[in-house]
């Protein structure tokens, strides 16, 4: 799971928080409710996750319940990879 969270963290830092201190982005940092991700950036994140991890994220999974933190995203990806 460390590999998953590291890949997600790097993507978020590079795409949505350029120049920010990487230490500020923790596994529990709110991404959607904290204003880091809006609807367009959430779609970009979903595309990245699907391509990088070869999974499909359903429409009902592409919201704050599953994508609001790196911890939630990591858990979602791990459960999808385990189910595959």
Protein backbone atom coordinates (compact mmCIF):
# COMPACT_ATOMS: atom_id res chain seq x y z
CA UNK A 1 0.00 0.00 0.00
CA UNK A 2 3.00 2.31 0.46
CA UNK A 3 3.63 2.15 -3.30
CA UNK A 4 0.02 3.20 -3.98
CA UNK A 5 0.01 6.10 -1.53
CA UNK A 6 3.41 7.31 -2.76
CA UNK A 7 2.26 7.34 -6.39
CA UNK A 8 -0.95 9.18 -5.48
CA UNK A 9 0.94 11.66 -3.28
CA UNK A 10 3.42 12.44 -6.09
CA UNK A 11 0.61 12.94 -8.61
CA UNK A 12 -1.32 15.30 -6.32
CA UNK A 13 1.80 17.29 -5.46
CA UNK A 14 2.94 17.60 -9.08
CA UNK A 15 -0.45 18.32 -10.64
CA UNK A 16 -2.36 20.28 -8.01
CA UNK A 17 0.16 21.58 -5.44
CA UNK A 18 3.31 22.55 -7.36
CA UNK A 19 5.84 24.22 -5.12
CA UNK A 20 4.10 23.22 -1.89
CA UNK A 21 5.94 21.51 0.95
CA UNK A 22 5.48 17.75 0.42
CA UNK A 23 5.44 17.26 4.21
CA UNK A 24 2.18 19.21 4.37
CA UNK A 25 0.36 16.55 2.31
CA UNK A 26 -0.41 13.69 4.69
CA UNK A 27 -2.55 10.59 4.22
CA UNK A 28 -5.42 12.40 5.94
CA UNK A 29 -5.17 15.83 4.28
CA UNK A 30 -8.67 16.65 2.93
CA UNK A 31 -8.35 16.95 -0.85
CA UNK A 32 -11.93 17.66 -1.95
CA UNK A 33 -13.39 19.17 1.22
CA UNK A 34 -10.12 21.08 1.72
CA UNK A 35 -10.41 22.74 -1.69
CA UNK A 36 -7.36 21.13 -3.26
CA UNK A 37 -9.47 19.21 -5.78
CA UNK A 38 -12.43 20.63 -7.66
CA UNK A 39 -14.64 18.67 -10.06
CA UNK A 40 -12.22 18.92 -13.01
CA UNK A 41 -9.15 18.01 -10.97
CA UNK A 42 -11.06 15.11 -9.42
CA UNK A 43 -11.71 13.77 -12.92
CA UNK A 44 -8.00 14.14 -13.72
CA UNK A 45 -7.18 12.21 -10.56
CA UNK A 46 -9.65 9.44 -11.48
CA UNK A 47 -8.10 9.16 -14.97
CA UNK A 48 -4.63 8.91 -13.44
CA UNK A 49 -5.73 6.24 -10.94
CA UNK A 50 -7.45 4.15 -13.60
CA UNK A 51 -4.45 4.33 -15.96
CA UNK A 52 -1.73 3.89 -13.34
CA UNK A 53 -3.34 1.06 -11.38
CA UNK A 54 -5.40 -0.54 -14.17
CA UNK A 55 -8.67 -0.31 -12.25
CA UNK A 56 -12.10 1.11 -12.96
CA UNK A 57 -13.55 3.68 -10.60
CA UNK A 58 -17.34 3.71 -10.78
CA UNK A 59 -19.24 7.00 -10.80
CA UNK A 60 -20.52 6.48 -7.25
CA UNK A 61 -16.90 5.99 -6.08
CA UNK A 62 -15.63 9.25 -7.59
CA UNK A 63 -16.67 11.47 -4.71
CA UNK A 64 -15.75 12.68 -1.28
CA UNK A 65 -16.51 9.30 0.35
CA UNK A 66 -13.62 7.61 -1.50
CA UNK A 67 -11.35 10.36 -2.85
CA UNK A 68 -11.09 12.98 -0.09
CA UNK A 69 -7.71 11.85 1.22
CA UNK A 70 -4.71 9.85 0.11
CA UNK A 71 -5.61 7.29 2.78
CA UNK A 72 -9.11 6.83 1.33
CA UNK A 73 -7.76 6.65 -2.22
CA UNK A 74 -5.15 4.07 -1.20
CA UNK A 75 -7.81 1.93 0.50
CA UNK A 76 -10.09 2.11 -2.55
CA UNK A 77 -7.31 1.09 -4.94
CA UNK A 78 -6.11 -1.71 -2.66
CA UNK A 79 -9.64 -3.13 -2.35
CA UNK A 80 -10.16 -2.99 -6.13
CA UNK A 81 -6.83 -4.66 -6.83
CA UNK A 82 -7.57 -7.36 -4.26
CA UNK A 83 -11.00 -8.01 -5.79
CA UNK A 84 -9.51 -8.36 -9.28
